[in-house]
């Protein structure tokens, strides 16, 4: 199955998360082209069993979830139920909110070593 979302040069490298063998999610970051202007990255989450179904992206509620300025060749990192996205001069961390879609974690909840300088 092929999704309809297109990612420009350099494309996107997926990261996969799941709850055991259930609820698989394909995570991708839309970055900028090699000569493109600085802009926010966009984190996308797709249903792993049907990649045509986008579950979430950070522009759905950009006031709350927008990622920092994009870096090329960025790969989302998924650890312990959180998704980490590196951006220019910062690290954005996303996790579940009770009864809601993904959203950024408050800075005070992020370990000091992961906070932007």
Protein backbone atom coordinates (compact mmCIF):
# COMPACT_ATOMS: atom_id res chain seq x y z
CA UNK A 1 0.00 0.00 0.00
CA UNK A 2 1.32 3.43 -0.90
CA UNK A 3 0.36 6.63 0.89
CA UNK A 4 -0.46 9.85 -0.95
CA UNK A 5 1.84 12.11 1.11
CA UNK A 6 4.89 13.29 -0.87
CA UNK A 7 8.14 14.35 0.77
CA UNK A 8 10.54 16.55 -1.21
CA UNK A 9 14.28 16.10 -1.51
CA UNK A 10 15.86 14.55 0.59
CA UNK A 11 12.72 12.50 1.32
CA UNK A 12 11.93 11.13 4.77
CA UNK A 13 13.33 8.17 6.73
CA UNK A 14 10.64 6.40 8.76
CA UNK A 15 10.75 5.34 12.39
CA UNK A 16 8.27 2.70 13.51
CA UNK A 17 6.67 2.36 16.93
CA UNK A 18 4.10 -0.10 18.24
CA UNK A 19 2.55 -1.53 21.37
CA UNK A 20 3.97 -5.04 20.96
CA UNK A 21 2.42 -6.28 17.73
CA UNK A 22 -0.48 -3.80 17.86
CA UNK A 23 -1.07 -0.13 17.06
CA UNK A 24 1.89 0.35 14.75
CA UNK A 25 2.73 3.94 13.82
CA UNK A 26 5.04 5.12 11.03
CA UNK A 27 6.71 8.42 12.02
CA UNK A 28 8.20 10.74 9.37
CA UNK A 29 9.58 14.27 9.38
CA UNK A 30 8.99 16.59 6.44
CA UNK A 31 12.16 18.67 6.13
CA UNK A 32 13.41 21.29 3.69
CA UNK A 33 15.04 20.83 0.31
CA UNK A 34 18.79 21.33 0.00
CA UNK A 35 18.36 24.94 -1.13
CA UNK A 36 15.06 25.67 0.58
CA UNK A 37 14.37 28.46 3.03
CA UNK A 38 14.31 27.80 6.76
CA UNK A 39 10.87 26.67 7.86
CA UNK A 40 9.38 24.54 10.62
CA UNK A 41 9.72 20.79 10.22
CA UNK A 42 6.49 18.78 10.24
CA UNK A 43 6.22 15.53 12.20
CA UNK A 44 3.75 13.08 10.64
CA UNK A 45 2.25 9.90 12.14
CA UNK A 46 0.66 7.29 9.86
CA UNK A 47 -1.21 4.09 10.68
CA UNK A 48 1.35 1.33 9.98
CA UNK A 49 -1.37 -1.07 8.77
CA UNK A 50 -2.73 1.52 6.33
CA UNK A 51 -0.16 4.22 5.48
CA UNK A 52 -2.75 6.19 3.52
CA UNK A 53 -4.30 7.09 6.90
CA UNK A 54 -2.52 9.99 8.58
CA UNK A 55 -3.16 9.91 12.32
CA UNK A 56 -1.48 13.18 13.25
CA UNK A 57 0.84 15.92 12.12
CA UNK A 58 2.29 18.86 14.02
CA UNK A 59 0.58 21.42 11.80
CA UNK A 60 -2.92 20.25 12.81
CA UNK A 61 -2.55 22.42 15.91
CA UNK A 62 0.51 24.49 15.02
CA UNK A 63 0.06 26.91 17.91
CA UNK A 64 0.62 24.05 20.34
CA UNK A 65 2.65 21.51 18.38
CA UNK A 66 4.82 23.26 15.78
CA UNK A 67 8.33 21.85 15.46
CA UNK A 68 11.33 24.21 15.35
CA UNK A 69 13.22 25.15 12.19
CA UNK A 70 13.92 22.08 10.12
CA UNK A 71 17.21 20.26 9.66
CA UNK A 72 17.83 18.03 6.66
CA UNK A 73 18.09 14.24 7.06
CA UNK A 74 16.30 14.29 10.43
CA UNK A 75 14.86 11.01 11.70
CA UNK A 76 12.28 10.88 14.52
CA UNK A 77 13.43 8.94 17.58
CA UNK A 78 10.80 7.03 19.54
CA UNK A 79 11.59 6.07 23.15
CA UNK A 80 9.26 5.13 26.03
CA UNK A 81 6.14 6.55 24.40
CA UNK A 82 7.70 9.85 23.36
CA UNK A 83 8.84 11.08 19.96
CA UNK A 84 11.97 13.25 19.79
CA UNK A 85 12.57 15.60 16.86
CA UNK A 86 15.80 17.54 16.52
CA UNK A 87 15.46 21.00 15.06
CA UNK A 88 17.76 23.96 14.61
CA UNK A 89 18.98 24.85 18.12
CA UNK A 90 16.38 22.75 19.95
CA UNK A 91 15.00 19.31 20.67
CA UNK A 92 11.22 18.95 20.49
CA UNK A 93 9.61 16.17 22.53
CA UNK A 94 6.09 14.84 21.89
CA UNK A 95 4.03 12.51 24.05
CA UNK A 96 0.43 11.52 24.67
CA UNK A 97 -1.98 13.72 26.56
CA UNK A 98 -4.85 12.00 28.32
CA UNK A 99 -7.72 11.75 25.84
CA UNK A 100 -5.96 13.83 23.16
CA UNK A 101 -3.57 13.48 20.23
CA UNK A 102 0.16 13.98 20.60
CA UNK A 103 1.48 17.29 21.85
CA UNK A 104 4.78 18.72 23.08
CA UNK A 105 5.97 17.93 26.58
CA UNK A 106 6.51 20.93 28.86
CA UNK A 107 10.13 22.06 29.07
CA UNK A 108 10.27 21.41 32.82
CA UNK A 109 9.41 17.74 32.12
CA UNK A 110 12.38 17.31 29.76
CA UNK A 111 15.72 16.29 31.27
CA UNK A 112 18.16 19.19 31.43
CA UNK A 113 20.56 17.56 28.94
CA UNK A 114 17.82 17.57 26.27
CA UNK A 115 16.81 21.22 26.62
CA UNK A 116 17.98 23.73 24.00
CA UNK A 117 20.80 26.06 25.02
